[in-house]
Amino acid sequence: MPFLTIGENLFEVGAIHPDRILFDCLMPTPHGTTYNAYLIIGKDKTALIDTVDPEKSSVLLSNLADTGIKRLDYIVSLHTEQDHSGSIEAVLRRFPEAKVVANAKVKEMAMTHLHLAEDKIQLIAEGDTLELGGKTLQFTMIPFAHWPDNYMAHLLEDNILFSSDLFGSHYSFPNKAFSTSSSDQVRAAKHYYAEIMMPYRTHVQKYTTKVRNMAPRMIAPSHGPIWSDPELVLSSYDRWAGDAMKPLVTIPFISMHDSTRVMVDRLAVKLAEQGMSVVCRNLGEDTDSMAVETGHFITDLVDAAAVVFASSTVLGGPHPAVAYAALVANAMRPKCKFVGLVGSFGWGTQITNVVNLLTGNIKAERLDPILIKGLPRDEDLAIIDAMAKDLADKIKALPNLVR
């Protein structure tokens, strides 16, 4: 895929990966992804911002050759993870004169994860600038906008912000169109936010405000298309990282012999009758469901006011697929206000203890669990009905509820 001109002496030279279906062995990527790398040619110096995943090194090197540059002075490494930095060694072999520009944490991690030599790294800090000749990069630290090492580079003369993982999306175009504001891209950005940024949403709130104050003309992340209208993604991040939530209940579930499914179906119907939006994620519908549906469940958590885990009992505890969903939700630290549990068992169960242990990071009110022996009877379904009414009333009383 050829390089793309995005400004005067400014090129995107990275790679698309349209057939990548899962990222971090966790997040479904139905639109594939991109590994964005940006080449800036100043009057005196040239700089490459980030590289690409090692699998796509040849694409990056081919694109750099096609630009016609003979010398590369700097490789600005905004983040150490290999989808950003994994081709640094390949680029250094092609341009041995280049220095790797890094903050202190990237330097530490690059020496650990990539075995880069210390003398190849030029250290920068908050507010420092890199002069290229008519092109000036200024650096802003954004630790825990994913990893503790992330930082951004602002190309001052062009007013373009290279934001690292912040504001990214796993979204590729066959023709490498790098400027869009489509609804599909916004959805992809939300999926990306859910897995990458949601665990650190208080940091992300602060960084979103900081970027808004910088007022960039364009935001160029390390994954996905460039934001030609920064307000679109900034306002989205304000909502996602803020305290507001929707009257949404997400229910990840497994049902081995339909007893739990009866409970889930009844709960979903009764919640909907109370004006709630309900998303049921069947983690066992087919062989890929646990990974795919848990990935979508993560995105539900961006807006959800409540999550209700629903599980059959397996060897005394929750089904492993529900345990996985609970563990992932715990890592995401969602802002939901209520956590519930329903399930069925054959002769005994310890589901409540295990799920509570797996979700200790979720600071939410715990609803009384409903665990039913065997196939639910009418009196059991009446308890489900009461749970739905109580949960809906609690959600309606929330101060930050939006539709």
Protein backbone atom coordinates (compact mmCIF):
# COMPACT_ATOMS: atom_id res chain seq x y z
CA MET A 1 0.00 0.00 0.00
CA PRO A 2 1.59 3.34 -1.02
CA PHE A 3 2.40 6.26 1.22
CA LEU A 4 -0.19 9.00 1.56
CA THR A 5 0.41 12.76 1.51
CA ILE A 6 -1.39 14.47 4.40
CA GLY A 7 0.36 17.85 4.36
CA GLU A 8 3.33 19.75 2.96
CA ASN A 9 6.35 17.46 3.36
CA LEU A 10 4.23 15.27 5.62
CA PHE A 11 3.36 11.69 4.73
CA GLU A 12 1.67 8.66 6.25
CA VAL A 13 3.98 5.71 5.49
CA GLY A 14 2.59 2.96 7.71
CA ALA A 15 0.63 -0.18 6.91
CA ILE A 16 -2.94 -1.40 6.85
CA HIS A 17 -3.93 -4.82 8.22
CA PRO A 18 -7.51 -5.34 6.97
CA ASP A 19 -7.61 -9.08 7.72
CA ARG A 20 -6.67 -8.81 11.39
CA ILE A 21 -9.78 -10.06 13.21
CA LEU A 22 -8.64 -9.88 16.86
CA PHE A 23 -6.37 -7.41 18.64
CA ASP A 24 -4.50 -8.18 21.87
CA CYS A 25 -6.09 -11.65 21.62
CA LEU A 26 -9.10 -9.90 23.16
CA MET A 27 -10.85 -7.28 21.01
CA PRO A 28 -12.71 -8.15 17.79
CA THR A 29 -11.59 -5.95 14.89
CA PRO A 30 -14.17 -6.49 12.13
CA HIS A 31 -12.69 -3.60 10.11
CA GLY A 32 -9.10 -4.74 10.62
CA THR A 33 -6.60 -2.14 11.79
CA THR A 34 -3.77 0.12 10.71
CA TYR A 35 -0.30 0.80 12.03
CA ASN A 36 0.21 4.49 11.33
CA ALA A 37 3.68 5.94 10.87
CA TYR A 38 4.23 9.56 9.86
CA LEU A 39 7.22 10.95 7.99
CA ILE A 40 8.03 14.65 8.42
CA ILE A 41 10.60 16.23 6.13
CA GLY A 42 12.00 19.50 7.44
CA LYS A 43 14.48 21.80 5.75
CA ASP A 44 17.29 20.41 7.90
CA LYS A 45 16.15 17.11 9.41
CA THR A 46 13.69 14.28 8.83
CA ALA A 47 11.69 12.45 11.48
CA LEU A 48 9.56 9.31 11.48
CA ILE A 49 6.82 9.19 14.11
CA ASP A 50 6.34 5.56 15.18
CA THR A 51 6.94 2.47 13.08
CA VAL A 52 4.66 -0.52 12.47
CA ASP A 53 4.01 -4.03 13.71
CA PRO A 54 6.98 -6.29 12.81
CA GLU A 55 4.72 -8.31 10.51
CA LYS A 56 4.43 -5.22 8.28
CA SER A 57 8.05 -3.98 8.37
CA SER A 58 8.51 -4.51 4.65
CA VAL A 59 5.54 -2.24 3.87
CA LEU A 60 7.00 0.57 5.96
CA LEU A 61 10.44 0.24 4.40
CA SER A 62 8.95 0.19 0.90
CA ASN A 63 6.90 3.31 1.62
CA LEU A 64 9.93 5.13 3.02
CA ALA A 65 11.88 4.24 -0.13
CA ASP A 66 9.04 5.50 -2.32
CA THR A 67 9.16 8.93 -0.66
CA GLY A 68 12.70 9.29 -1.94
CA ILE A 69 14.32 10.22 1.37
CA LYS A 70 18.02 9.41 1.61
CA ARG A 71 18.52 10.14 5.29
CA LEU A 72 16.42 9.72 8.43
CA ASP A 73 17.55 11.68 11.47
CA TYR A 74 14.96 10.72 14.10
CA ILE A 75 12.54 7.93 14.93
CA VAL A 76 10.08 9.41 17.42
CA SER A 77 8.75 6.49 19.45
CA LEU A 78 5.49 7.57 21.12
CA HIS A 79 4.85 4.17 22.76
CA THR A 80 6.88 0.99 23.23
CA GLU A 81 4.29 -1.65 22.41
CA GLN A 82 5.36 -3.62 19.37
CA ASP A 83 2.52 -2.54 17.07
CA HIS A 84 4.17 0.91 17.32
CA SER A 85 7.85 0.09 17.85
CA GLY A 86 8.32 -3.39 16.46
CA SER A 87 9.99 -2.20 13.26
CA ILE A 88 12.45 0.22 14.84
CA GLU A 89 15.35 -2.20 14.41
CA ALA A 90 14.49 -2.73 10.74
CA VAL A 91 14.39 1.04 10.16
CA LEU A 92 17.69 1.50 11.98
CA ARG A 93 19.32 -1.08 9.74
CA ARG A 94 18.15 0.93 6.73
CA PHE A 95 19.04 4.30 8.33
CA PRO A 96 21.81 3.62 10.87
CA GLU A 97 22.38 7.35 11.42
CA ALA A 98 18.92 7.79 13.00
CA LYS A 99 18.39 8.42 16.70
CA VAL A 100 15.37 7.08 18.55
CA VAL A 101 13.59 9.93 20.35
CA ALA A 102 11.90 8.77 23.55
CA ASN A 103 10.73 9.91 26.95
CA ALA A 104 12.23 8.28 30.04
CA LYS A 105 9.63 5.52 30.29
CA VAL A 106 9.78 4.65 26.58
CA LYS A 107 13.57 4.54 26.87
CA GLU A 108 13.37 2.15 29.81
CA MET A 109 10.84 -0.10 28.10
CA ALA A 110 12.53 -0.02 24.69
CA MET A 111 15.77 -1.23 26.24
CA THR A 112 13.80 -4.02 27.96
CA HIS A 113 11.34 -5.10 25.27
CA LEU A 114 13.33 -4.29 22.11
CA HIS A 115 16.90 -4.49 23.45
CA LEU A 116 17.70 -1.11 21.92
CA ALA A 117 21.15 0.21 22.73
CA GLU A 118 21.09 3.13 25.15
CA ASP A 119 23.36 5.22 22.95
CA LYS A 120 20.78 5.11 20.13
CA ILE A 121 18.16 6.86 22.27
CA GLN A 122 17.76 10.64 22.58
CA LEU A 123 15.79 11.54 25.70
CA ILE A 124 13.01 14.14 25.72
CA ALA A 125 10.60 15.39 28.41
CA GLU A 126 7.37 17.36 28.81
CA GLY A 127 7.35 20.53 26.68
CA ASP A 128 10.60 19.76 24.85
CA THR A 129 10.81 20.52 21.14
CA LEU A 130 12.54 18.89 18.20
CA GLU A 131 13.53 21.29 15.42
CA LEU A 132 13.57 19.91 11.88
CA GLY A 133 13.82 23.21 9.99
CA GLY A 134 10.47 24.86 9.43
CA LYS A 135 8.85 21.90 11.18
CA THR A 136 8.79 21.81 14.99
CA LEU A 137 7.58 18.94 17.16
CA GLN A 138 6.57 19.68 20.75
CA PHE A 139 6.02 16.81 23.17
CA THR A 140 3.26 16.27 25.74
CA MET A 141 3.26 13.37 28.16
CA ILE A 142 0.06 11.30 28.51
CA PRO A 143 0.97 8.45 30.90
CA PHE A 144 -1.74 5.81 31.22
CA ALA A 145 -3.48 6.78 28.06
CA HIS A 146 -2.98 3.04 27.69
CA TRP A 147 0.58 2.37 28.99
CA PRO A 148 2.65 4.49 31.40
CA ASP A 149 4.95 5.51 28.53
CA ASN A 150 2.58 7.15 26.02
CA TYR A 151 3.23 10.69 24.86
CA MET A 152 2.07 12.93 21.99
CA ALA A 153 3.89 15.05 19.41
CA HIS A 154 2.39 18.34 18.19
CA LEU A 155 3.60 19.58 14.80
CA LEU A 156 3.29 23.26 15.56
CA GLU A 157 3.51 24.84 12.11
CA ASP A 158 0.86 22.49 10.66
CA ASN A 159 -1.12 22.27 13.92
CA ILE A 160 -1.40 18.49 13.64
CA LEU A 161 -1.36 16.41 16.82
CA PHE A 162 0.14 12.93 16.67
CA SER A 163 -1.75 11.46 19.61
CA SER A 164 -0.30 7.94 19.94
CA ASP A 165 -3.02 5.49 21.07
CA LEU A 166 -5.29 8.26 22.32
CA PHE A 167 -8.25 8.80 19.94
CA GLY A 168 -7.31 5.76 17.86
CA SER A 169 -9.55 3.18 16.19
CA HIS A 170 -9.10 -0.25 14.69
CA TYR A 171 -10.45 0.72 11.28
CA SER A 172 -8.74 0.23 7.94
CA PHE A 173 -9.58 1.35 4.43
CA PRO A 174 -8.60 -0.62 1.31
CA ASN A 175 -7.47 2.60 -0.35
CA LYS A 176 -5.80 4.02 2.76
CA ALA A 177 -8.12 7.00 3.10
CA PHE A 178 -6.82 8.76 6.16
CA SER A 179 -9.36 11.49 6.75
CA THR A 180 -12.92 10.61 7.69
CA SER A 181 -15.69 11.30 10.15
CA SER A 182 -17.99 8.41 9.29
CA SER A 183 -20.37 6.84 11.80
CA ASP A 184 -18.56 3.52 11.29
CA GLN A 185 -15.31 5.15 12.36
CA VAL A 186 -16.92 6.62 15.47
CA ARG A 187 -18.23 3.17 16.42
CA ALA A 188 -14.79 1.69 15.84
CA ALA A 189 -13.28 4.42 18.02
CA LYS A 190 -15.75 3.53 20.77
CA HIS A 191 -14.77 -0.15 20.61
CA TYR A 192 -11.13 0.95 20.77
CA TYR A 193 -11.77 3.29 23.71
CA ALA A 194 -13.55 0.50 25.58
CA GLU A 195 -10.61 -1.89 25.66
CA ILE A 196 -7.66 0.50 25.53
CA MET A 197 -8.76 3.64 27.41
CA MET A 198 -11.69 2.79 29.70
CA PRO A 199 -9.53 1.33 32.50
CA TYR A 200 -7.84 4.75 32.76
CA ARG A 201 -10.82 6.99 32.12
CA THR A 202 -9.95 9.59 34.80
CA HIS A 203 -6.60 10.14 33.07
CA VAL A 204 -8.31 10.19 29.69
CA GLN A 205 -10.76 12.87 30.84
CA LYS A 206 -7.82 15.11 31.77
CA TYR A 207 -5.99 14.48 28.49
CA THR A 208 -9.10 15.13 26.42
CA THR A 209 -9.43 18.55 28.06
CA LYS A 210 -5.74 19.21 27.45
CA VAL A 211 -6.03 18.36 23.76
CA ARG A 212 -9.15 20.51 23.40
CA ASN A 213 -7.15 23.44 24.81
CA MET A 214 -4.37 22.74 22.31
CA ALA A 215 -6.97 23.14 19.51
CA PRO A 216 -5.25 21.02 16.85
CA ARG A 217 -6.45 21.32 13.27
CA MET A 218 -6.16 17.56 12.85
CA ILE A 219 -5.58 14.62 15.19
CA ALA A 220 -3.43 11.83 13.76
CA PRO A 221 -3.52 8.73 16.01
CA SER A 222 -1.39 5.62 15.74
CA HIS A 223 -4.33 3.45 14.63
CA GLY A 224 -7.17 4.22 12.25
CA PRO A 225 -8.00 7.26 10.15
CA ILE A 226 -6.94 10.80 10.96
CA TRP A 227 -9.63 12.96 12.56
CA SER A 228 -10.11 15.87 10.17
CA ASP A 229 -12.77 17.20 12.57
CA PRO A 230 -11.19 16.82 16.03
CA GLU A 231 -14.37 17.94 17.79
CA LEU A 232 -16.10 14.75 16.71
CA VAL A 233 -13.75 12.50 18.65
CA LEU A 234 -13.19 14.98 21.50
CA SER A 235 -16.91 15.28 22.21
CA SER A 236 -17.24 11.50 22.00
CA TYR A 237 -14.43 11.04 24.52
CA ASP A 238 -16.09 13.59 26.80
CA ARG A 239 -19.18 11.36 26.88
CA TRP A 240 -17.40 8.03 27.13
CA ALA A 241 -14.91 9.05 29.81
CA GLY A 242 -17.38 11.23 31.73
CA ASP A 243 -19.76 10.16 34.48
CA ALA A 244 -22.92 10.01 32.36
CA MET A 245 -24.39 6.62 31.52
CA LYS A 246 -27.37 5.25 29.65
CA PRO A 247 -30.35 3.27 30.99
CA LEU A 248 -28.61 0.20 29.62
CA VAL A 249 -28.27 -3.22 31.24
CA THR A 250 -25.81 -5.65 29.67
CA ILE A 251 -26.21 -9.36 30.42
CA PRO A 252 -23.35 -11.72 29.52
CA PHE A 253 -24.70 -15.26 29.89
CA ILE A 254 -24.20 -18.98 29.46
CA SER A 255 -27.00 -21.51 29.60
CA MET A 256 -26.15 -25.19 29.34
CA HIS A 257 -29.64 -26.70 29.60
CA ASP A 258 -31.86 -23.60 29.16
CA SER A 259 -32.62 -22.99 32.85
CA THR A 260 -30.44 -19.87 32.93
CA ARG A 261 -31.70 -18.80 29.49
CA VAL A 262 -35.27 -18.77 30.83
CA MET A 263 -34.11 -16.42 33.59
CA VAL A 264 -32.22 -14.18 31.15
CA ASP A 265 -35.14 -13.96 28.73
CA ARG A 266 -37.56 -13.07 31.53
CA LEU A 267 -35.20 -10.47 33.03
CA ALA A 268 -34.60 -8.84 29.63
CA VAL A 269 -38.32 -8.59 28.86
CA LYS A 270 -39.21 -7.15 32.25
CA LEU A 271 -36.38 -4.62 32.14
CA ALA A 272 -37.49 -3.52 28.68
CA GLU A 273 -41.04 -3.07 29.98
CA GLN A 274 -39.57 -0.67 32.55
CA GLY A 275 -37.94 1.43 29.80
CA MET A 276 -34.46 -0.05 29.98
CA SER A 277 -32.27 -0.89 27.01
CA VAL A 278 -31.01 -4.46 27.35
CA VAL A 279 -28.17 -6.23 25.54
CA CYS A 280 -27.82 -9.98 26.08
CA ARG A 281 -24.42 -11.44 25.13
CA ASN A 282 -24.55 -15.21 24.59
CA LEU A 283 -21.02 -16.35 25.39
CA GLY A 284 -21.62 -19.91 24.23
CA GLU A 285 -23.60 -19.75 21.01
CA ASP A 286 -20.71 -21.03 18.90
CA THR A 287 -17.01 -21.76 19.20
CA ASP A 288 -16.00 -18.10 18.74
CA SER A 289 -18.65 -16.58 20.99
CA MET A 290 -16.63 -16.28 24.17
CA ALA A 291 -13.97 -14.10 22.53
CA VAL A 292 -16.24 -12.16 20.18
CA GLU A 293 -19.18 -11.55 22.51
CA THR A 294 -16.93 -10.67 25.44
CA GLY A 295 -15.28 -8.11 23.17
CA HIS A 296 -18.67 -6.57 22.42
CA PHE A 297 -19.58 -6.78 26.11
CA ILE A 298 -16.55 -4.58 26.86
CA THR A 299 -18.02 -1.91 24.58
CA ASP A 300 -21.40 -2.21 26.33
CA LEU A 301 -19.63 -1.29 29.55
CA VAL A 302 -18.73 2.18 28.22
CA ASP A 303 -22.38 3.30 28.67
CA ALA A 304 -24.07 0.65 30.80
CA ALA A 305 -25.62 1.56 34.13
CA ALA A 306 -25.71 -2.09 35.18
CA VAL A 307 -24.27 -5.47 34.34
CA VAL A 308 -25.96 -8.73 35.28
CA PHE A 309 -23.87 -11.88 34.97
CA ALA A 310 -25.93 -14.98 34.23
CA SER A 311 -24.44 -18.44 34.47
CA SER A 312 -25.07 -22.10 34.80
CA THR A 313 -23.08 -23.77 37.58
CA VAL A 314 -20.07 -25.81 36.48
CA LEU A 315 -18.22 -27.78 39.15
CA GLY A 316 -19.61 -25.52 41.85
CA GLY A 317 -18.69 -22.21 40.22
CA PRO A 318 -19.68 -20.07 37.23
CA HIS A 319 -19.21 -21.40 33.72
CA PRO A 320 -15.63 -20.56 32.62
CA ALA A 321 -16.94 -18.28 29.85
CA VAL A 322 -18.83 -16.15 32.38
CA ALA A 323 -15.82 -16.20 34.69
CA TYR A 324 -13.75 -14.86 31.78
CA ALA A 325 -16.26 -12.08 31.10
CA ALA A 326 -16.25 -11.18 34.79
CA LEU A 327 -12.45 -11.08 34.88
CA VAL A 328 -12.32 -8.88 31.77
CA ALA A 329 -14.98 -6.51 33.17
CA ASN A 330 -12.96 -6.26 36.37
CA ALA A 331 -9.88 -5.19 34.38
CA MET A 332 -11.90 -2.56 32.49
CA ARG A 333 -13.06 -0.86 35.73
CA PRO A 334 -16.35 0.35 34.19
CA LYS A 335 -18.41 3.20 35.63
CA CYS A 336 -21.59 1.11 35.95
CA LYS A 337 -23.45 1.57 39.23
CA PHE A 338 -25.01 -1.87 39.72
CA VAL A 339 -23.78 -5.45 39.41
CA GLY A 340 -26.18 -8.38 39.52
CA LEU A 341 -25.98 -12.14 39.27
CA VAL A 342 -28.54 -14.73 38.25
CA GLY A 343 -28.03 -18.40 37.57
CA SER A 344 -29.06 -21.98 37.96
CA PHE A 345 -27.56 -25.06 39.56
CA GLY A 346 -28.15 -28.78 39.82
CA TRP A 347 -27.37 -29.56 43.44
CA GLY A 348 -25.16 -26.78 44.84
CA THR A 349 -23.32 -23.60 43.81
CA GLN A 350 -20.61 -21.14 44.83
CA ILE A 351 -21.21 -18.78 41.90
CA THR A 352 -21.74 -15.71 44.09
CA ASN A 353 -18.42 -16.04 45.92
CA VAL A 354 -16.45 -16.59 42.72
CA VAL A 355 -18.05 -13.77 40.72
CA ASN A 356 -17.66 -11.32 43.63
CA LEU A 357 -13.99 -12.28 43.88
CA LEU A 358 -13.45 -11.85 40.13
CA THR A 359 -15.11 -8.41 40.01
CA GLY A 360 -13.64 -6.73 43.09
CA ASN A 361 -12.39 -3.73 41.10
CA ILE A 362 -15.91 -2.76 40.00
CA LYS A 363 -17.07 -0.17 42.53
CA ALA A 364 -20.80 -0.69 42.17
CA GLU A 365 -23.76 -1.64 44.31
CA ARG A 366 -24.21 -5.43 44.42
CA LEU A 367 -27.75 -6.64 43.85
CA ASP A 368 -29.02 -9.66 45.75
CA PRO A 369 -28.15 -12.71 43.61
CA ILE A 370 -30.90 -14.96 42.28
CA LEU A 371 -29.77 -18.59 42.08
CA ILE A 372 -32.39 -21.19 41.20
CA LYS A 373 -32.17 -24.94 41.55
CA GLY A 374 -33.24 -26.59 38.30
CA LEU A 375 -35.72 -25.17 35.82
CA PRO A 376 -37.37 -21.94 37.10
CA ARG A 377 -40.96 -22.19 38.33
CA ASP A 378 -43.55 -19.41 38.33
CA GLU A 379 -42.58 -18.33 41.83
CA ASP A 380 -38.92 -18.07 40.70
CA LEU A 381 -39.90 -15.95 37.71
CA ALA A 382 -41.80 -13.64 40.06
CA ILE A 383 -38.50 -13.03 41.90
CA ILE A 384 -36.89 -12.17 38.54
CA ASP A 385 -39.74 -9.74 37.85
CA ALA A 386 -39.14 -8.01 41.19
CA MET A 387 -35.43 -7.78 40.48
CA ALA A 388 -36.13 -6.12 37.12
CA LYS A 389 -38.47 -3.56 38.72
CA ASP A 390 -36.03 -2.78 41.52
CA LEU A 391 -33.04 -2.44 39.16
CA ALA A 392 -34.95 -0.24 36.73
CA ASP A 393 -36.07 2.04 39.57
CA LYS A 394 -32.47 2.35 40.79
CA ILE A 395 -31.21 3.21 37.31
CA LYS A 396 -33.95 5.79 36.72
CA ALA A 397 -32.89 7.54 39.95
CA LEU A 398 -29.28 8.01 38.81
CA PRO A 399 -28.25 11.69 38.52
CA ASN A 400 -26.11 11.30 35.36
CA LEU A 401 -28.50 9.31 33.20
CA VAL A 402 -28.71 10.19 29.49
CA ARG A 403 -30.53 8.63 26.57
